[in-house]
Protein backbone atom coordinates (compact mmCIF):
# COMPACT_ATOMS: atom_id res chain seq x y z
CA UNK A 1 0.12 -0.16 -0.20
CA UNK A 2 1.67 3.27 -0.95
CA UNK A 3 1.02 7.05 0.07
CA UNK A 4 0.95 9.72 -2.77
CA UNK A 5 1.16 13.28 -1.87
CA UNK A 6 -0.10 15.48 -4.55
CA UNK A 7 1.39 18.76 -4.44
CA UNK A 8 -1.16 21.43 -6.48
CA UNK A 9 -4.62 20.31 -6.73
CA UNK A 10 -5.75 22.66 -9.18
CA UNK A 11 -6.93 20.84 -12.86
CA UNK A 12 -4.49 18.44 -13.45
CA UNK A 13 -3.32 17.55 -9.78
CA UNK A 14 -7.09 17.36 -8.89
CA UNK A 15 -7.71 14.99 -11.84
CA UNK A 16 -4.79 12.59 -10.79
CA UNK A 17 -6.29 13.02 -7.57
CA UNK A 18 -9.16 11.43 -8.00
CA UNK A 19 -7.81 8.62 -9.98
CA UNK A 20 -5.32 7.63 -7.14
CA UNK A 21 -7.96 7.42 -4.98
CA UNK A 22 -9.57 4.78 -6.79
CA UNK A 23 -6.29 2.43 -6.88
CA UNK A 24 -6.14 -1.03 -4.83
CA UNK A 25 -2.78 -0.09 -3.82
CA UNK A 26 -3.05 3.22 -2.44
CA UNK A 27 -3.61 4.09 0.79
CA UNK A 28 -3.64 7.67 1.12
CA UNK A 29 -3.89 10.52 -1.07
CA UNK A 30 -2.55 13.23 0.76
CA UNK A 31 -3.54 16.59 -1.15
CA UNK A 32 -1.67 19.67 -0.67
CA UNK A 33 -1.81 23.19 -1.64
CA UNK A 34 -1.75 26.94 -0.52
CA UNK A 35 -5.23 27.48 -1.72
CA UNK A 36 -7.51 25.85 1.22
CA UNK A 37 -10.46 25.94 -1.04
CA UNK A 38 -8.96 23.89 -3.72
CA UNK A 39 -7.57 21.51 -1.07
CA UNK A 40 -10.94 21.05 0.19
CA UNK A 41 -12.93 20.49 -2.83
CA UNK A 42 -10.49 17.41 -3.97
CA UNK A 43 -10.72 16.28 -0.37
CA UNK A 44 -14.47 16.34 -0.26
CA UNK A 45 -14.77 14.50 -3.43
CA UNK A 46 -12.59 11.17 -2.69
CA UNK A 47 -12.48 8.46 -0.06
CA UNK A 48 -8.55 8.05 0.55
CA UNK A 49 -7.84 11.91 0.85
CA UNK A 50 -6.92 13.45 3.60
CA UNK A 51 -5.91 17.60 3.45
CA UNK A 52 -2.82 19.47 3.68
CA UNK A 53 -2.02 23.65 3.33
CA UNK A 54 1.36 23.69 2.06
CA UNK A 55 4.01 26.73 1.21
CA UNK A 56 5.94 25.29 -1.37
CA UNK A 57 8.42 28.57 -1.55
CA UNK A 58 9.14 26.62 2.32
CA UNK A 59 11.35 23.68 1.25
CA UNK A 60 10.55 22.77 4.85
CA UNK A 61 7.08 22.93 4.44
CA UNK A 62 6.78 20.35 1.76
CA UNK A 63 9.21 17.84 3.93
CA UNK A 64 6.56 18.50 6.83
CA UNK A 65 3.78 17.28 4.39
CA UNK A 66 5.77 14.71 2.77
CA UNK A 67 6.52 12.40 5.65
CA UNK A 68 6.12 8.76 4.92
CA UNK A 69 5.03 8.78 1.42
CA UNK A 70 6.02 6.68 -1.32
CA UNK A 71 5.77 8.93 -4.22
CA UNK A 72 5.22 13.02 -4.60
CA UNK A 73 3.46 14.27 -7.63
CA UNK A 74 4.41 17.43 -8.80
CA UNK A 75 1.83 19.73 -10.03
CA UNK A 76 3.25 23.18 -8.83
CA UNK A 77 4.75 26.29 -10.66
CA UNK A 78 8.40 26.33 -11.58
CA UNK A 79 10.27 28.05 -9.27
CA UNK A 80 8.77 25.76 -6.45
CA UNK A 81 10.43 22.53 -8.64
CA UNK A 82 14.06 23.42 -6.86
CA UNK A 83 12.17 22.91 -3.32
CA UNK A 84 10.22 19.83 -4.19
CA UNK A 85 13.28 17.82 -5.47
CA UNK A 86 15.13 18.60 -2.38
CA UNK A 87 12.11 17.81 -0.19
CA UNK A 88 11.86 14.36 -2.00
CA UNK A 89 15.46 13.87 -1.51
CA UNK A 90 15.03 14.82 1.78
CA UNK A 91 12.38 12.04 2.37
CA UNK A 92 13.71 9.62 0.47
CA UNK A 93 10.28 9.56 -1.82
CA UNK A 94 10.30 8.99 -5.63
CA UNK A 95 9.59 12.33 -7.87
CA UNK A 96 7.03 12.86 -10.36
CA UNK A 97 6.71 16.58 -12.21
CA UNK A 98 4.45 16.99 -15.10
CA UNK A 99 7.04 19.62 -16.26
CA UNK A 100 10.31 19.16 -17.35
CA UNK A 101 11.07 22.73 -15.78
CA UNK A 102 12.73 25.94 -16.93
CA UNK A 103 13.23 27.33 -13.21
CA UNK A 104 16.08 29.60 -12.97
CA UNK A 105 16.90 27.91 -9.47
CA UNK A 106 17.41 24.65 -10.93
CA UNK A 107 19.27 25.91 -13.73
CA UNK A 108 21.48 27.62 -10.92
CA UNK A 109 22.12 24.09 -9.59
CA UNK A 110 23.80 23.17 -13.00
CA UNK A 111 25.92 26.45 -13.35
CA UNK A 112 27.35 26.14 -10.36
CA UNK A 113 28.55 22.77 -10.35
CA UNK A 114 31.98 21.14 -11.49
CA UNK A 115 30.04 19.26 -14.28
CA UNK A 116 28.88 22.19 -15.94
CA UNK A 117 32.94 23.50 -16.03
CA UNK A 118 33.83 20.05 -18.24
CA UNK A 119 29.91 20.22 -20.48
CA UNK A 120 31.93 22.04 -23.84
CA UNK A 121 28.81 23.34 -25.67
CA UNK A 122 26.46 20.23 -25.21
CA UNK A 123 25.54 18.50 -28.25
CA UNK A 124 26.91 21.47 -29.96
CA UNK A 125 23.61 23.81 -29.07
CA UNK A 126 23.55 26.74 -31.22
CA UNK A 127 20.38 28.75 -28.99
CA UNK A 128 20.65 32.31 -28.93
CA UNK A 129 17.74 33.11 -25.93
CA UNK A 130 18.88 33.29 -22.27
CA UNK A 131 15.40 31.41 -21.58
CA UNK A 132 16.19 28.37 -23.56
CA UNK A 133 19.79 28.21 -22.29
CA UNK A 134 18.09 28.56 -18.68
CA UNK A 135 15.49 25.82 -19.62
CA UNK A 136 18.54 23.48 -20.89
CA UNK A 137 20.61 24.12 -17.98
CA UNK A 138 17.67 23.24 -15.66
CA UNK A 139 17.12 19.67 -17.30
CA UNK A 140 21.04 19.22 -17.72
CA UNK A 141 20.92 19.99 -13.50
CA UNK A 142 17.80 17.70 -13.17
CA UNK A 143 20.05 14.76 -15.16
CA UNK A 144 23.16 15.35 -13.89
CA UNK A 145 22.76 16.32 -10.59
CA UNK A 146 19.47 15.20 -9.28
CA UNK A 147 19.80 11.82 -10.84
CA UNK A 148 22.92 10.69 -9.16
CA UNK A 149 20.92 12.02 -5.50
CA UNK A 150 18.02 9.96 -6.86
CA UNK A 151 19.99 6.89 -7.45
CA UNK A 152 21.82 6.97 -4.66
CA UNK A 153 18.58 6.34 -2.38
CA UNK A 154 17.31 4.12 -4.57
CA UNK A 155 14.38 6.30 -5.63
CA UNK A 156 13.15 7.16 -8.95
CA UNK A 157 12.07 10.89 -10.69
CA UNK A 158 10.81 11.16 -13.77
CA UNK A 159 9.99 14.61 -15.27
CA UNK A 160 7.56 15.89 -17.75
CA UNK A 161 4.91 13.73 -17.17
CA UNK A 162 1.58 15.48 -18.20
CA UNK A 163 -0.16 14.77 -21.83
CA UNK A 164 2.78 16.88 -23.56
CA UNK A 165 5.27 16.00 -22.56
CA UNK A 166 4.40 12.93 -21.23
CA UNK A 167 1.63 10.69 -22.86
CA UNK A 168 3.07 12.45 -26.44
CA UNK A 169 6.51 11.42 -25.23
CA UNK A 170 5.22 7.77 -24.67
CA UNK A 171 3.39 7.91 -28.01
CA UNK A 172 6.99 8.89 -30.09
CA UNK A 173 8.79 6.36 -28.75
CA UNK A 174 5.70 3.87 -29.53
CA UNK A 175 6.03 5.13 -33.34
CA UNK A 176 9.73 5.02 -33.81
CA UNK A 177 9.89 1.58 -32.20
CA UNK A 178 8.44 1.13 -35.97
CA UNK A 179 11.55 2.74 -37.76
CA UNK A 180 15.39 0.87 -38.30
CA UNK A 181 16.68 4.26 -38.19
CA UNK A 182 14.96 7.84 -37.26
CA UNK A 183 15.69 10.82 -39.19
CA UNK A 184 12.86 13.50 -38.38
CA UNK A 185 10.02 13.95 -35.38
CA UNK A 186 6.82 15.73 -35.49
CA UNK A 187 5.20 16.48 -32.79
CA UNK A 188 1.58 18.12 -33.65
CA UNK A 189 -1.17 18.94 -31.45
CA UNK A 190 -4.58 21.14 -32.09
CA UNK A 191 -6.26 22.61 -29.11
CA UNK A 192 -10.00 22.18 -31.05
CA UNK A 193 -12.21 22.40 -28.22
CA UNK A 194 -13.53 26.39 -28.66
CA UNK A 195 -16.41 27.67 -26.58
CA UNK A 196 -18.99 30.24 -26.82
CA UNK A 197 -17.93 32.07 -24.67
CA UNK A 198 -13.82 34.11 -24.42
CA UNK A 199 -12.51 31.03 -23.09
CA UNK A 200 -9.22 30.92 -24.75
CA UNK A 201 -7.07 28.60 -22.53
CA UNK A 202 -8.14 25.26 -21.11
CA UNK A 203 -4.51 25.46 -18.87
CA UNK A 204 -2.90 27.67 -16.90
CA UNK A 205 -3.13 31.40 -19.09
CA UNK A 206 0.58 32.38 -17.51
CA UNK A 207 2.18 28.92 -18.63
CA UNK A 208 0.31 28.96 -22.30
CA UNK A 209 1.03 32.81 -22.81
CA UNK A 210 4.79 32.16 -21.70
CA UNK A 211 5.36 29.41 -23.73
CA UNK A 212 3.54 31.65 -26.66
CA UNK A 213 5.86 34.74 -26.13
CA UNK A 214 9.51 33.21 -26.36
CA UNK A 215 11.40 31.89 -29.11
CA UNK A 216 10.64 28.06 -29.49
CA UNK A 217 13.43 25.48 -29.24
CA UNK A 218 14.33 22.94 -32.24
CA UNK A 219 16.23 19.50 -32.62
CA UNK A 220 18.02 20.66 -35.99
CA UNK A 221 20.40 18.82 -37.62
CA UNK A 222 21.81 17.31 -34.40
CA UNK A 223 21.79 20.63 -32.88
CA UNK A 224 19.69 22.62 -30.60
CA UNK A 225 18.30 25.86 -32.36
CA UNK A 226 16.18 28.26 -31.54
CA UNK A 227 13.14 29.44 -34.00
CA UNK A 228 10.83 32.11 -34.53
CA UNK A 229 7.83 32.24 -32.40
CA UNK A 230 4.64 31.21 -34.09
CA UNK A 231 7.29 30.51 -37.06
CA UNK A 232 7.95 27.98 -39.52
CA UNK A 233 3.98 26.99 -40.23
CA UNK A 234 3.50 23.25 -41.85
CA UNK A 235 -0.41 22.45 -43.12
CA UNK A 236 -1.82 19.23 -41.90
CA UNK A 237 -5.70 17.91 -42.73
CA UNK A 238 -5.67 14.51 -41.19
CA UNK A 239 -8.88 12.25 -42.41
CA UNK A 240 -11.16 13.29 -39.20
CA UNK A 241 -10.57 17.02 -39.85
CA UNK A 242 -13.50 18.86 -41.60
CA UNK A 243 -10.33 21.90 -42.27
CA UNK A 244 -6.53 22.50 -42.52
CA UNK A 245 -4.82 23.56 -39.40
CA UNK A 246 -1.89 25.68 -39.39
CA UNK A 247 0.78 24.34 -37.21
CA UNK A 248 3.30 26.75 -35.69
CA UNK A 249 6.21 26.34 -33.83
CA UNK A 250 6.14 26.37 -30.11
CA UNK A 251 8.36 26.62 -26.95
CA UNK A 252 7.77 23.03 -25.81
CA UNK A 253 10.04 20.76 -23.76
CA UNK A 254 10.09 17.33 -26.58
CA UNK A 255 12.55 18.62 -29.03
CA UNK A 256 14.94 19.01 -26.05
CA UNK A 257 13.56 15.44 -24.77
CA UNK A 258 14.19 14.10 -27.38
CA UNK A 259 17.76 15.80 -28.82
CA UNK A 260 18.71 14.57 -25.32
CA UNK A 261 18.03 11.19 -25.70
CA UNK A 262 18.36 10.93 -29.64
CA UNK A 263 20.74 8.04 -29.60
CA UNK A 264 19.80 5.81 -26.72
CA UNK A 265 15.85 6.26 -27.19
CA UNK A 266 15.28 7.66 -30.90
CA UNK A 267 17.25 5.71 -33.27
CA UNK A 268 19.72 8.33 -33.85
CA UNK A 269 17.13 11.27 -34.63
CA UNK A 270 18.34 14.28 -35.90
CA UNK A 271 15.74 16.72 -36.12
CA UNK A 272 12.60 17.10 -33.68
CA UNK A 273 10.00 20.11 -33.82
CA UNK A 274 6.67 20.85 -31.34
CA UNK A 275 3.87 22.28 -33.53
CA UNK A 276 0.89 23.61 -31.94
CA UNK A 277 -2.57 25.02 -33.19
CA UNK A 278 -5.46 26.23 -31.93
CA UNK A 279 -8.08 28.68 -30.50
CA UNK A 280 -5.03 29.73 -27.71
CA UNK A 281 -2.53 30.22 -30.50
CA UNK A 282 -4.98 32.11 -32.50
CA UNK A 283 -5.57 34.83 -29.64
CA UNK A 284 -2.27 35.08 -28.56
CA UNK A 285 -0.85 35.71 -32.14
CA UNK A 286 -1.87 39.25 -32.72
CA UNK A 287 -0.94 40.14 -28.85
CA UNK A 288 2.58 39.35 -29.74
CA UNK A 289 2.99 40.47 -32.94
CA UNK A 290 1.57 43.86 -30.85
CA UNK A 291 4.44 43.60 -28.45
CA UNK A 292 1.74 42.70 -25.83
CA UNK A 293 3.30 39.61 -24.51
CA UNK A 294 6.87 41.45 -23.90
CA UNK A 295 8.17 40.90 -20.38
CA UNK A 296 10.08 44.04 -20.23
CA UNK A 297 9.15 47.00 -18.38
CA UNK A 298 7.21 50.18 -20.36
CA UNK A 299 6.38 53.51 -19.24
CA UNK A 300 2.54 54.27 -20.02
CA UNK A 301 1.12 57.87 -18.90
CA UNK A 302 3.56 57.99 -16.37
CA UNK A 303 3.13 54.31 -14.77
CA UNK A 304 5.34 51.50 -15.06
CA UNK A 305 3.70 48.60 -16.86
CA UNK A 306 4.79 44.60 -17.66
CA UNK A 307 2.26 44.35 -20.96
CA UNK A 308 2.81 40.49 -20.24
CA UNK A 309 1.30 41.10 -16.91
CA UNK A 310 -1.18 43.66 -17.87
CA UNK A 311 -2.70 41.43 -20.29
CA UNK A 312 -2.59 38.25 -17.80
CA UNK A 313 -5.13 40.39 -15.77
CA UNK A 314 -7.76 39.99 -18.45
CA UNK A 315 -7.27 36.58 -19.60
CA UNK A 316 -9.87 33.89 -17.49
CA UNK A 317 -8.23 31.32 -15.48
CA UNK A 318 -8.68 27.71 -16.83
CA UNK A 319 -11.98 26.08 -15.81
CA UNK A 320 -11.43 23.90 -12.72
CA UNK A 321 -14.49 22.90 -10.96
CA UNK A 322 -17.48 21.15 -12.46
CA UNK A 323 -20.11 23.72 -11.98
CA UNK A 324 -17.69 26.01 -13.99
CA UNK A 325 -16.94 23.54 -16.90
CA UNK A 326 -20.99 22.74 -17.04
CA UNK A 327 -21.88 26.12 -17.29
CA UNK A 328 -19.43 26.10 -20.36
CA UNK A 329 -20.74 23.06 -22.51
CA UNK A 330 -24.32 24.39 -21.42
CA UNK A 331 -23.88 27.97 -23.09
CA UNK A 332 -23.03 25.94 -26.06
CA UNK A 333 -19.23 25.05 -28.10
CA UNK A 334 -18.38 26.06 -31.54
CA UNK A 335 -16.22 23.26 -31.85
CA UNK A 336 -15.16 20.03 -29.64
CA UNK A 337 -12.43 18.19 -31.49
CA UNK A 338 -8.29 18.59 -31.69
CA UNK A 339 -5.20 16.17 -32.61
CA UNK A 340 -2.60 15.00 -31.20
CA UNK A 341 0.19 13.30 -33.61
CA UNK A 342 3.39 12.05 -34.04
CA UNK A 343 5.14 11.68 -37.37
CA UNK A 344 8.26 10.00 -37.34
CA UNK A 345 10.14 9.94 -40.67
CA UNK A 346 13.32 7.39 -41.32
CA UNK A 347 14.32 4.09 -42.62
CA UNK A 348 12.81 0.68 -42.82
CA UNK A 349 14.13 -1.99 -44.40
CA UNK A 350 15.99 0.32 -46.45
CA UNK A 351 13.14 1.89 -47.51
CA UNK A 352 11.66 5.66 -46.71
CA UNK A 353 9.34 5.51 -43.98
CA UNK A 354 6.84 7.58 -41.99
CA UNK A 355 4.77 6.43 -38.73
CA UNK A 356 2.14 8.27 -38.08
CA UNK A 357 0.70 7.63 -34.88
CA UNK A 358 -2.55 9.52 -33.56
CA UNK A 359 -3.78 9.81 -29.97
CA UNK A 360 -7.33 9.37 -30.13
CA UNK A 361 -9.00 10.57 -26.92
CA UNK A 362 -11.90 11.88 -24.73
CA UNK A 363 -13.17 15.85 -26.02
CA UNK A 364 -14.40 18.42 -23.38
CA UNK A 365 -18.21 16.82 -23.49
CA UNK A 366 -17.11 13.54 -23.16
CA UNK A 367 -14.34 14.32 -20.42
CA UNK A 368 -17.17 15.88 -18.68
CA UNK A 369 -19.36 13.37 -19.06
CA UNK A 370 -16.87 10.37 -17.60
CA UNK A 371 -15.09 12.37 -15.32
CA UNK A 372 -16.64 15.92 -14.86
CA UNK A 373 -13.88 17.55 -15.84
CA UNK A 374 -12.14 19.28 -19.14
CA UNK A 375 -10.52 17.78 -21.95
CA UNK A 376 -7.01 19.41 -21.02
CA UNK A 377 -7.42 17.81 -17.51
CA UNK A 378 -8.59 14.52 -18.48
CA UNK A 379 -5.40 14.66 -21.37
CA UNK A 380 -2.65 15.94 -18.58
CA UNK A 381 -4.36 14.44 -15.33
CA UNK A 382 -5.03 11.32 -17.04
CA UNK A 383 -1.62 11.09 -18.87
CA UNK A 384 0.13 11.76 -15.24
CA UNK A 385 -2.09 9.32 -13.60
CA UNK A 386 -0.50 6.61 -15.89
CA UNK A 387 3.02 7.00 -14.75
CA UNK A 388 1.39 7.48 -10.78
CA UNK A 389 -0.28 4.01 -11.42
CA UNK A 390 3.03 2.30 -12.74
CA UNK A 391 5.00 3.89 -9.92
CA UNK A 392 1.93 2.06 -7.16
CA UNK A 393 2.29 -0.77 -8.78
CA UNK A 394 6.00 -1.34 -8.85
CA UNK A 395 6.41 -1.25 -12.18
CA UNK A 396 9.52 1.02 -12.75
CA UNK A 397 13.06 -0.69 -11.78
CA UNK A 398 14.72 2.30 -12.88
CA UNK A 399 16.73 4.72 -10.18
CA UNK A 400 17.75 8.24 -10.61
CA UNK A 401 16.06 10.90 -12.84
CA UNK A 402 14.71 10.23 -16.28
CA UNK A 403 12.20 12.18 -18.56
CA UNK A 404 8.73 10.51 -19.63
CA UNK A 405 10.71 9.78 -23.40
CA UNK A 406 12.69 6.70 -21.78
CA UNK A 407 10.45 4.30 -20.69
CA UNK A 408 12.06 0.34 -22.00
CA UNK A 409 9.33 -0.56 -24.63
CA UNK A 410 7.79 -2.90 -21.71
CA UNK A 411 6.98 -0.03 -19.64
CA UNK A 412 5.25 2.47 -22.78
CA UNK A 413 3.13 -1.05 -24.24
CA UNK A 414 2.12 -1.16 -20.22
CA UNK A 415 1.56 2.74 -19.66
CA UNK A 416 -1.14 2.85 -23.13
CA UNK A 417 -2.85 -0.47 -21.59
CA UNK A 418 -3.76 2.17 -18.62
CA UNK A 419 -4.53 4.57 -21.38
CA UNK A 420 -6.87 2.15 -23.38
CA UNK A 421 -9.05 1.69 -19.98
CA UNK A 422 -9.79 5.28 -19.92
CA UNK A 423 -10.34 5.98 -23.61
CA UNK A 424 -7.13 7.13 -25.06
CA UNK A 425 -5.97 4.88 -27.48
CA UNK A 426 -3.29 5.02 -30.51
CA UNK A 427 -3.90 4.39 -34.19
CA UNK A 428 -0.59 4.13 -35.98
CA UNK A 429 0.05 3.95 -39.86
CA UNK A 430 3.21 2.96 -41.30
CA UNK A 431 3.50 4.63 -44.87
CA UNK A 432 6.33 4.18 -47.52
CA UNK A 433 7.72 7.32 -49.46
């Protein structure tokens, strides 16, 4: 019997907590947040739950809540990541994070290390963005500094375990296994749920707009490079789409993870891209072009403002409570669709080959009918839960720190076996080019 601490019970954390509550091997789900309303809401809806208030900016507060737990599930803002990692090590717990993190304090762990002094232009990166360099350094710190520490205590930490990264990384591994060698990977996501009311984002607006306001990252010709935000468009229309969709560059973890792991897990992949589309992108692009997503302070009529911060105050939060979601659905939807696709290009039996894997999952209405949550909560929360389920069922034999694209083939199969039970399935097509 396992005890799990869910840190952050917002949209995704609450979805995972509800699922963990149903697991036979889970004894207790400790729901922790600074927002006690959110804590009380989730604890009141599950049987094995216990609520506690935690200030995640204080490591000792996390340590106090985590005594005796087997797994810490981190669904908190990025600036809290270092505290949660350190707390997990202190209480000797396994660790799972929805994010891969770009937190400055984690990046500093790498920059101040002896290992960093030996790191001579790792993989020949040619990144120009300070945010991207921070992002890369934070992942290096997790792999190279925290990884050995978790291995030393015989525990496992997995990062990037939501829907993207997470679910889509497992789908990518599933696609690549059909190739002998891999050249190029596209991860393609379309957020197709559009409400009649103004609801541009179904997940954290600050996370969404931050991802959209920075240079994107790609793995190109075996090197990490920055690409322009909203740039390098590609067009796709799959057979279940009633229109052609333009997908654009988007700042996301997958190309970074695949680049780090290209040799050992992706059959020598040389290029990896994350492409995104949807109402959120359509809303954010003109804001970006107008300079309204700038993080630089400027003066307006004698007042100092940061455009990004000001815009954010006018964006409605993602709905997370059942009555909020029901109200949006009852008002009516313009569209309830989307896609998550992996395109893996390479060689099979000497032939140029495309492996095209589609992830099919419940839309907004079906997600609400199944679980009282949004499609985003369903895909991310459930996608994260499958990793948690593997933890509580002792289906990991690794120790140290890995990202979600570093599961074994057998573990990928276990993951999607769990996913299918909740209506998340794969359809893979193999095409000669």
